[in-house]
Amino acid sequence: MLLCGSVLAAPAPEKLNGKLLKVDFSSALVSDVVQGKAGEWKPTSAAPILVQFPADEGQRFTIQCNELSSGEEDTCPPLVVSYAPQGEMAVLMVTGHSLFLVLTLNFDTPDSGTASLSMTVNERDRLARDADFRLLPATSSGGRMELPCD
């Protein structure tokens, strides 16, 4: 008897209101882009990307990129976060300041799957593939984002 492995897939949620998206790079491979081409793919120890979706907004929201002290004015324009489901995958895009980030999420279950990343920060391009992600309950009602520093 021949057994064939099945590919898991689930539809991407229409909205992520009140959810925390955690993209874990511990199993991912990353590559820096040099002169328009991907370099060597290698493992990384980058911290996860965390995106918390506000409880009361739809598929697009803005967040400030700096935490401010009371009375301090932010000169950095807000980051725009948008989420677009497309069948069993979804695209998360973050733009603003000197950041352009695209996460492609492939859902294996309604709350998890694998992600690939294309990110430009301060004119430095980076790619990642085979990162695991999970959707978790949000820890507060507002929107926020944490990016790895390396």
N, C-alpha and C. Protein backbone atom coordinates (compact mmCIF):
# COMPACT_ATOMS: atom_id res chain seq x y z
N MET A 1 0.83 -1.17 0.00
CA MET A 1 0.00 0.00 0.00
C MET A 1 0.89 1.24 0.00
N LEU A 2 0.57 2.18 -0.85
CA LEU A 2 1.32 3.43 -0.96
C LEU A 2 0.56 4.52 -0.23
N LEU A 3 1.22 5.16 0.72
CA LEU A 3 0.61 6.27 1.44
C LEU A 3 1.23 7.57 0.97
N CYS A 4 0.40 8.50 0.66
CA CYS A 4 0.89 9.80 0.21
C CYS A 4 0.64 10.82 1.31
N GLY A 5 1.61 11.68 1.53
CA GLY A 5 1.44 12.75 2.51
C GLY A 5 0.45 13.77 1.99
N SER A 6 -0.32 14.34 2.87
CA SER A 6 -1.28 15.35 2.46
C SER A 6 -0.74 16.73 2.84
N VAL A 7 -1.06 17.69 2.05
CA VAL A 7 -0.66 19.06 2.31
C VAL A 7 -1.78 19.73 3.09
N LEU A 8 -1.44 20.28 4.24
CA LEU A 8 -2.42 20.97 5.05
C LEU A 8 -2.62 22.38 4.51
N ALA A 9 -3.84 22.84 4.52
CA ALA A 9 -4.12 24.21 4.12
C ALA A 9 -5.44 24.62 4.75
N ALA A 10 -5.54 25.88 5.09
CA ALA A 10 -6.76 26.44 5.66
C ALA A 10 -6.95 27.82 5.07
N PRO A 11 -8.19 28.26 4.97
CA PRO A 11 -8.42 29.62 4.47
C PRO A 11 -7.86 30.66 5.44
N ALA A 12 -7.30 31.70 4.90
CA ALA A 12 -6.81 32.82 5.73
C ALA A 12 -8.00 33.54 6.35
N PRO A 13 -7.90 33.94 7.62
CA PRO A 13 -9.00 34.70 8.23
C PRO A 13 -9.24 36.01 7.49
N GLU A 14 -10.49 36.42 7.41
CA GLU A 14 -10.83 37.67 6.74
C GLU A 14 -10.26 38.89 7.46
N LYS A 15 -10.26 38.85 8.79
CA LYS A 15 -9.74 39.95 9.60
C LYS A 15 -8.93 39.38 10.76
N LEU A 16 -8.01 40.17 11.27
CA LEU A 16 -7.20 39.76 12.41
C LEU A 16 -7.43 40.66 13.62
N ASN A 17 -8.61 41.30 13.67
CA ASN A 17 -8.93 42.18 14.80
C ASN A 17 -8.73 41.46 16.11
N GLY A 18 -8.04 42.10 17.06
CA GLY A 18 -7.84 41.53 18.38
C GLY A 18 -6.90 40.33 18.41
N LYS A 19 -6.09 40.16 17.37
CA LYS A 19 -5.13 39.05 17.30
C LYS A 19 -3.71 39.58 17.34
N LEU A 20 -2.81 38.73 17.81
CA LEU A 20 -1.38 39.02 17.79
C LEU A 20 -0.74 38.03 16.81
N LEU A 21 -0.09 38.55 15.78
CA LEU A 21 0.63 37.72 14.81
C LEU A 21 2.08 37.64 15.29
N LYS A 22 2.56 36.41 15.52
CA LYS A 22 3.95 36.21 15.94
C LYS A 22 4.64 35.38 14.87
N VAL A 23 5.66 35.97 14.23
CA VAL A 23 6.43 35.28 13.20
C VAL A 23 7.77 34.91 13.81
N ASP A 24 8.02 33.61 13.92
CA ASP A 24 9.20 33.06 14.58
C ASP A 24 10.23 32.66 13.52
N PHE A 25 11.44 33.19 13.64
CA PHE A 25 12.47 32.93 12.63
C PHE A 25 13.45 31.83 13.04
N SER A 26 13.17 31.10 14.11
CA SER A 26 14.13 30.09 14.59
C SER A 26 14.34 28.95 13.59
N SER A 27 13.37 28.68 12.73
CA SER A 27 13.53 27.64 11.71
C SER A 27 13.71 28.23 10.31
N ALA A 28 13.82 29.54 10.21
CA ALA A 28 13.87 30.22 8.91
C ALA A 28 15.29 30.33 8.36
N LEU A 29 15.35 30.59 7.07
CA LEU A 29 16.59 30.93 6.40
C LEU A 29 16.47 32.37 5.94
N VAL A 30 17.55 33.14 6.04
CA VAL A 30 17.54 34.54 5.63
C VAL A 30 18.67 34.80 4.62
N SER A 31 18.46 35.85 3.84
CA SER A 31 19.46 36.26 2.87
C SER A 31 19.40 37.77 2.72
N ASP A 32 20.57 38.41 2.68
CA ASP A 32 20.63 39.82 2.35
C ASP A 32 20.66 39.95 0.84
N VAL A 33 20.05 41.00 0.34
CA VAL A 33 20.02 41.26 -1.10
C VAL A 33 21.15 42.22 -1.43
N VAL A 34 22.01 41.81 -2.36
CA VAL A 34 23.14 42.64 -2.78
C VAL A 34 23.04 42.81 -4.29
N GLN A 35 23.03 44.06 -4.73
CA GLN A 35 22.93 44.39 -6.15
C GLN A 35 21.75 43.69 -6.80
N GLY A 36 20.61 43.68 -6.11
CA GLY A 36 19.38 43.13 -6.67
C GLY A 36 19.27 41.62 -6.65
N LYS A 37 20.25 40.92 -6.05
CA LYS A 37 20.21 39.46 -6.03
C LYS A 37 20.35 38.95 -4.61
N ALA A 38 19.63 37.86 -4.31
CA ALA A 38 19.75 37.24 -3.00
C ALA A 38 21.13 36.63 -2.84
N GLY A 39 21.70 36.82 -1.66
CA GLY A 39 22.98 36.21 -1.34
C GLY A 39 22.78 34.80 -0.81
N GLU A 40 23.72 34.35 0.00
CA GLU A 40 23.65 33.01 0.59
C GLU A 40 22.50 32.94 1.60
N TRP A 41 21.73 31.85 1.55
CA TRP A 41 20.66 31.61 2.52
C TRP A 41 21.27 30.94 3.74
N LYS A 42 21.02 31.49 4.92
CA LYS A 42 21.60 30.93 6.13
C LYS A 42 20.61 31.04 7.29
N PRO A 43 20.79 30.20 8.32
CA PRO A 43 19.93 30.30 9.50
C PRO A 43 20.13 31.64 10.21
N THR A 44 19.16 32.02 11.02
CA THR A 44 19.24 33.28 11.73
C THR A 44 18.83 33.10 13.19
N SER A 45 19.25 34.02 14.00
CA SER A 45 18.81 34.03 15.40
C SER A 45 17.96 35.28 15.66
N ALA A 46 17.35 35.82 14.61
CA ALA A 46 16.56 37.04 14.73
C ALA A 46 15.38 36.84 15.67
N ALA A 47 15.07 37.88 16.41
CA ALA A 47 13.90 37.87 17.28
C ALA A 47 12.64 37.81 16.41
N PRO A 48 11.53 37.40 16.98
CA PRO A 48 10.29 37.32 16.19
C PRO A 48 9.77 38.70 15.81
N ILE A 49 8.97 38.73 14.76
CA ILE A 49 8.18 39.91 14.42
C ILE A 49 6.85 39.73 15.13
N LEU A 50 6.39 40.78 15.81
CA LEU A 50 5.09 40.76 16.47
C LEU A 50 4.25 41.89 15.90
N VAL A 51 3.04 41.58 15.47
CA VAL A 51 2.10 42.59 15.00
C VAL A 51 0.80 42.37 15.74
N GLN A 52 0.40 43.37 16.54
CA GLN A 52 -0.87 43.27 17.25
C GLN A 52 -1.91 44.11 16.52
N PHE A 53 -2.99 43.47 16.12
CA PHE A 53 -4.06 44.14 15.40
C PHE A 53 -5.05 44.72 16.40
N PRO A 54 -5.43 45.99 16.24
CA PRO A 54 -6.39 46.60 17.16
C PRO A 54 -7.71 45.82 17.14
N ALA A 55 -8.40 45.84 18.26
CA ALA A 55 -9.66 45.11 18.38
C ALA A 55 -10.77 45.74 17.56
N ASP A 56 -10.69 47.04 17.29
CA ASP A 56 -11.82 47.73 16.67
C ASP A 56 -11.57 48.25 15.25
N GLU A 57 -10.49 47.86 14.60
CA GLU A 57 -10.23 48.35 13.25
C GLU A 57 -10.25 47.19 12.27
N GLY A 58 -10.33 47.50 11.01
CA GLY A 58 -10.42 46.48 9.99
C GLY A 58 -9.07 45.94 9.55
N GLN A 59 -8.90 45.84 8.26
CA GLN A 59 -7.71 45.22 7.70
C GLN A 59 -6.57 46.21 7.47
N ARG A 60 -6.76 47.45 7.88
CA ARG A 60 -5.73 48.47 7.70
C ARG A 60 -5.74 49.39 8.93
N PHE A 61 -4.55 49.67 9.47
CA PHE A 61 -4.45 50.58 10.60
C PHE A 61 -3.08 51.24 10.60
N THR A 62 -2.93 52.29 11.39
CA THR A 62 -1.65 52.99 11.51
C THR A 62 -1.17 52.91 12.95
N ILE A 63 0.15 52.88 13.11
CA ILE A 63 0.78 52.89 14.43
C ILE A 63 1.97 53.83 14.37
N GLN A 64 2.29 54.44 15.50
CA GLN A 64 3.49 55.28 15.57
C GLN A 64 4.71 54.37 15.66
N CYS A 65 5.80 54.77 15.02
CA CYS A 65 6.99 53.93 15.02
C CYS A 65 7.89 54.20 16.23
N ASN A 66 7.62 55.24 16.99
CA ASN A 66 8.41 55.54 18.18
C ASN A 66 7.50 55.63 19.39
N GLU A 67 7.99 55.14 20.53
CA GLU A 67 7.25 55.36 21.77
C GLU A 67 7.69 56.71 22.31
N LEU A 68 6.73 57.54 22.70
CA LEU A 68 7.03 58.91 23.09
C LEU A 68 6.83 59.11 24.58
N SER A 69 7.65 59.99 25.13
CA SER A 69 7.45 60.43 26.51
C SER A 69 6.33 61.48 26.49
N SER A 70 5.74 61.74 27.63
CA SER A 70 4.65 62.71 27.69
C SER A 70 5.14 64.08 27.24
N GLY A 71 4.38 64.72 26.37
CA GLY A 71 4.73 66.04 25.87
C GLY A 71 5.70 66.04 24.70
N GLU A 72 6.29 64.89 24.37
CA GLU A 72 7.25 64.80 23.28
C GLU A 72 6.49 64.65 21.95
N GLU A 73 7.00 65.30 20.90
CA GLU A 73 6.35 65.21 19.59
C GLU A 73 7.10 64.22 18.71
N ASP A 74 6.35 63.40 18.00
CA ASP A 74 6.94 62.40 17.11
C ASP A 74 7.14 63.00 15.73
N THR A 75 8.39 62.98 15.24
CA THR A 75 8.68 63.50 13.90
C THR A 75 8.65 62.38 12.86
N CYS A 76 8.51 61.15 13.32
CA CYS A 76 8.45 60.01 12.42
C CYS A 76 7.01 59.80 11.96
N PRO A 77 6.75 59.71 10.66
CA PRO A 77 5.38 59.45 10.21
C PRO A 77 4.93 58.07 10.67
N PRO A 78 3.62 57.88 10.84
CA PRO A 78 3.16 56.58 11.31
C PRO A 78 3.40 55.49 10.27
N LEU A 79 3.48 54.26 10.77
CA LEU A 79 3.56 53.09 9.89
C LEU A 79 2.14 52.69 9.52
N VAL A 80 1.95 52.32 8.27
CA VAL A 80 0.66 51.85 7.79
C VAL A 80 0.75 50.33 7.66
N VAL A 81 -0.16 49.62 8.34
CA VAL A 81 -0.20 48.17 8.32
C VAL A 81 -1.47 47.76 7.59
N SER A 82 -1.33 46.89 6.58
CA SER A 82 -2.51 46.39 5.89
C SER A 82 -2.43 44.87 5.75
N TYR A 83 -3.59 44.25 5.79
CA TYR A 83 -3.72 42.80 5.74
C TYR A 83 -4.70 42.45 4.64
N ALA A 84 -4.28 41.56 3.71
CA ALA A 84 -5.14 41.19 2.59
C ALA A 84 -5.17 39.67 2.44
N PRO A 85 -6.28 39.02 2.85
CA PRO A 85 -6.40 37.57 2.68
C PRO A 85 -6.70 37.22 1.23
N GLN A 86 -6.13 36.10 0.77
CA GLN A 86 -6.33 35.64 -0.61
C GLN A 86 -6.37 34.12 -0.60
N GLY A 87 -7.51 33.55 -0.27
CA GLY A 87 -7.62 32.09 -0.21
C GLY A 87 -6.89 31.53 0.99
N GLU A 88 -5.93 30.63 0.75
CA GLU A 88 -5.17 30.00 1.83
C GLU A 88 -3.93 30.78 2.21
N MET A 89 -3.77 31.97 1.64
CA MET A 89 -2.64 32.82 1.99
C MET A 89 -3.13 34.23 2.25
N ALA A 90 -2.25 35.02 2.83
CA ALA A 90 -2.56 36.43 3.06
C ALA A 90 -1.26 37.21 2.94
N VAL A 91 -1.41 38.48 2.61
CA VAL A 91 -0.26 39.37 2.51
C VAL A 91 -0.41 40.46 3.56
N LEU A 92 0.61 40.62 4.38
CA LEU A 92 0.68 41.68 5.36
C LEU A 92 1.74 42.66 4.88
N MET A 93 1.37 43.93 4.75
CA MET A 93 2.31 44.94 4.28
C MET A 93 2.41 46.04 5.33
N VAL A 94 3.66 46.47 5.58
CA VAL A 94 3.92 47.57 6.51
C VAL A 94 4.80 48.57 5.78
N THR A 95 4.34 49.82 5.72
CA THR A 95 5.11 50.86 5.04
C THR A 95 5.17 52.11 5.90
N GLY A 96 6.21 52.88 5.72
CA GLY A 96 6.35 54.14 6.41
C GLY A 96 7.78 54.40 6.82
N HIS A 97 8.10 55.67 6.98
CA HIS A 97 9.43 56.09 7.37
C HIS A 97 10.43 55.47 6.41
N SER A 98 11.37 54.67 6.84
CA SER A 98 12.34 54.03 5.94
C SER A 98 12.13 52.52 5.93
N LEU A 99 10.87 52.09 6.10
CA LEU A 99 10.54 50.67 6.18
C LEU A 99 9.54 50.28 5.10
N PHE A 100 9.82 49.17 4.43
CA PHE A 100 8.88 48.53 3.52
C PHE A 100 8.97 47.04 3.80
N LEU A 101 7.90 46.46 4.32
CA LEU A 101 7.90 45.06 4.72
C LEU A 101 6.70 44.35 4.11
N VAL A 102 6.95 43.18 3.52
CA VAL A 102 5.88 42.34 3.00
C VAL A 102 6.06 40.94 3.57
N LEU A 103 5.04 40.48 4.29
CA LEU A 103 5.00 39.12 4.81
C LEU A 103 3.95 38.35 4.04
N THR A 104 4.32 37.23 3.47
CA THR A 104 3.35 36.35 2.83
C THR A 104 3.09 35.21 3.79
N LEU A 105 1.84 35.07 4.20
CA LEU A 105 1.44 34.08 5.19
C LEU A 105 0.70 32.94 4.49
N ASN A 106 1.20 31.72 4.62
CA ASN A 106 0.53 30.54 4.07
C ASN A 106 -0.05 29.76 5.24
N PHE A 107 -1.39 29.70 5.32
CA PHE A 107 -2.07 29.10 6.45
C PHE A 107 -2.17 27.58 6.30
N ASP A 108 -1.63 26.85 7.30
CA ASP A 108 -1.81 25.40 7.39
C ASP A 108 -3.05 25.08 8.23
N THR A 109 -3.29 25.91 9.24
CA THR A 109 -4.48 25.82 10.09
C THR A 109 -5.05 27.23 10.18
N PRO A 110 -6.22 27.42 10.76
CA PRO A 110 -6.75 28.79 10.87
C PRO A 110 -5.89 29.72 11.72
N ASP A 111 -4.95 29.16 12.54
CA ASP A 111 -4.14 29.99 13.43
C ASP A 111 -2.64 29.86 13.25
N SER A 112 -2.17 29.13 12.23
CA SER A 112 -0.72 28.95 12.08
C SER A 112 -0.36 28.57 10.65
N GLY A 113 0.94 28.65 10.39
CA GLY A 113 1.45 28.31 9.07
C GLY A 113 2.89 28.74 8.91
N THR A 114 3.29 28.98 7.66
CA THR A 114 4.65 29.43 7.37
C THR A 114 4.59 30.76 6.64
N ALA A 115 5.67 31.52 6.80
CA ALA A 115 5.72 32.86 6.23
C ALA A 115 7.02 33.08 5.48
N SER A 116 6.95 33.94 4.49
CA SER A 116 8.16 34.44 3.83
C SER A 116 8.14 35.97 3.97
N LEU A 117 9.32 36.55 3.96
CA LEU A 117 9.48 37.97 4.25
C LEU A 117 10.34 38.64 3.19
N SER A 118 9.93 39.84 2.81
CA SER A 118 10.76 40.74 2.03
C SER A 118 10.72 42.07 2.76
N MET A 119 11.90 42.56 3.17
CA MET A 119 11.94 43.76 3.99
C MET A 119 13.06 44.68 3.55
N THR A 120 12.75 45.96 3.47
CA THR A 120 13.74 46.99 3.24
C THR A 120 13.69 47.95 4.42
N VAL A 121 14.82 48.10 5.10
CA VAL A 121 14.94 49.04 6.21
C VAL A 121 16.19 49.87 5.96
N ASN A 122 16.02 51.20 5.91
CA ASN A 122 17.16 52.09 5.68
C ASN A 122 17.99 51.65 4.48
N GLU A 123 17.31 51.33 3.38
CA GLU A 123 17.94 50.95 2.11
C GLU A 123 18.68 49.61 2.17
N ARG A 124 18.45 48.81 3.19
CA ARG A 124 19.03 47.48 3.29
C ARG A 124 17.91 46.46 3.06
N ASP A 125 18.10 45.57 2.08
CA ASP A 125 17.09 44.59 1.74
C ASP A 125 17.41 43.24 2.35
N ARG A 126 16.38 42.57 2.88
CA ARG A 126 16.54 41.26 3.50
C ARG A 126 15.35 40.39 3.11
N LEU A 127 15.64 39.12 2.88
CA LEU A 127 14.61 38.12 2.58
C LEU A 127 14.66 37.03 3.64
N ALA A 128 13.52 36.40 3.90
CA ALA A 128 13.47 35.24 4.79
C ALA A 128 12.43 34.28 4.25
N ARG A 129 12.65 33.01 4.51
CA ARG A 129 11.68 32.00 4.09
C ARG A 129 11.60 30.92 5.17
N ASP A 130 10.49 30.19 5.13
CA ASP A 130 10.27 29.06 6.05
C ASP A 130 10.17 29.49 7.51
N ALA A 131 9.69 30.69 7.78
CA ALA A 131 9.45 31.12 9.16
C ALA A 131 8.08 30.59 9.59
N ASP A 132 7.97 30.18 10.83
CA ASP A 132 6.69 29.72 11.38
C ASP A 132 5.94 30.91 11.96
N PHE A 133 4.60 30.92 11.81
CA PHE A 133 3.83 31.97 12.45
C PHE A 133 2.63 31.37 13.18
N ARG A 134 2.16 32.13 14.17
CA ARG A 134 0.96 31.76 14.94
C ARG A 134 0.13 33.01 15.17
N LEU A 135 -1.18 32.84 15.22
CA LEU A 135 -2.09 33.90 15.64
C LEU A 135 -2.49 33.60 17.07
N LEU A 136 -2.31 34.59 17.94
CA LEU A 136 -2.59 34.46 19.36
C LEU A 136 -3.57 35.55 19.78
N PRO A 137 -4.22 35.41 20.93
CA PRO A 137 -5.06 36.51 21.41
C PRO A 137 -4.18 37.74 21.70
N ALA A 138 -4.68 38.92 21.36
CA ALA A 138 -3.94 40.16 21.61
C ALA A 138 -3.81 40.40 23.10
N THR A 139 -2.76 41.10 23.48
CA THR A 139 -2.52 41.39 24.90
C THR A 139 -3.13 42.72 25.33
N SER A 140 -3.57 43.53 24.37
CA SER A 140 -4.27 44.78 24.67
C SER A 140 -5.18 45.08 23.47
N SER A 141 -5.91 46.18 23.51
CA SER A 141 -6.85 46.47 22.43
C SER A 141 -6.26 47.33 21.32
N GLY A 142 -5.05 47.89 21.52
CA GLY A 142 -4.45 48.77 20.53
C GLY A 142 -3.54 48.05 19.56
N GLY A 143 -3.08 48.77 18.54
CA GLY A 143 -2.15 48.21 17.57
C GLY A 143 -0.72 48.48 17.96
N ARG A 144 0.16 47.54 17.67
CA ARG A 144 1.59 47.74 17.93
C ARG A 144 2.37 46.79 17.04
N MET A 145 3.69 47.03 16.95
CA MET A 145 4.55 46.19 16.13
C MET A 145 5.94 46.17 16.72
N GLU A 146 6.57 44.99 16.71
CA GLU A 146 7.97 44.85 17.13
C GLU A 146 8.71 44.13 16.01
N LEU A 147 9.84 44.72 15.61
CA LEU A 147 10.67 44.14 14.56
C LEU A 147 12.00 43.66 15.14
N PRO A 148 12.59 42.62 14.54
CA PRO A 148 13.93 42.21 14.99
C PRO A 148 14.94 43.29 14.64
N CYS A 149 15.97 43.42 15.47
CA CYS A 149 16.96 44.48 15.27
C CYS A 149 18.14 44.05 14.41
N ASP A 150 18.38 42.73 14.24
CA ASP A 150 19.57 42.33 13.48
C ASP A 150 19.30 42.22 12.01
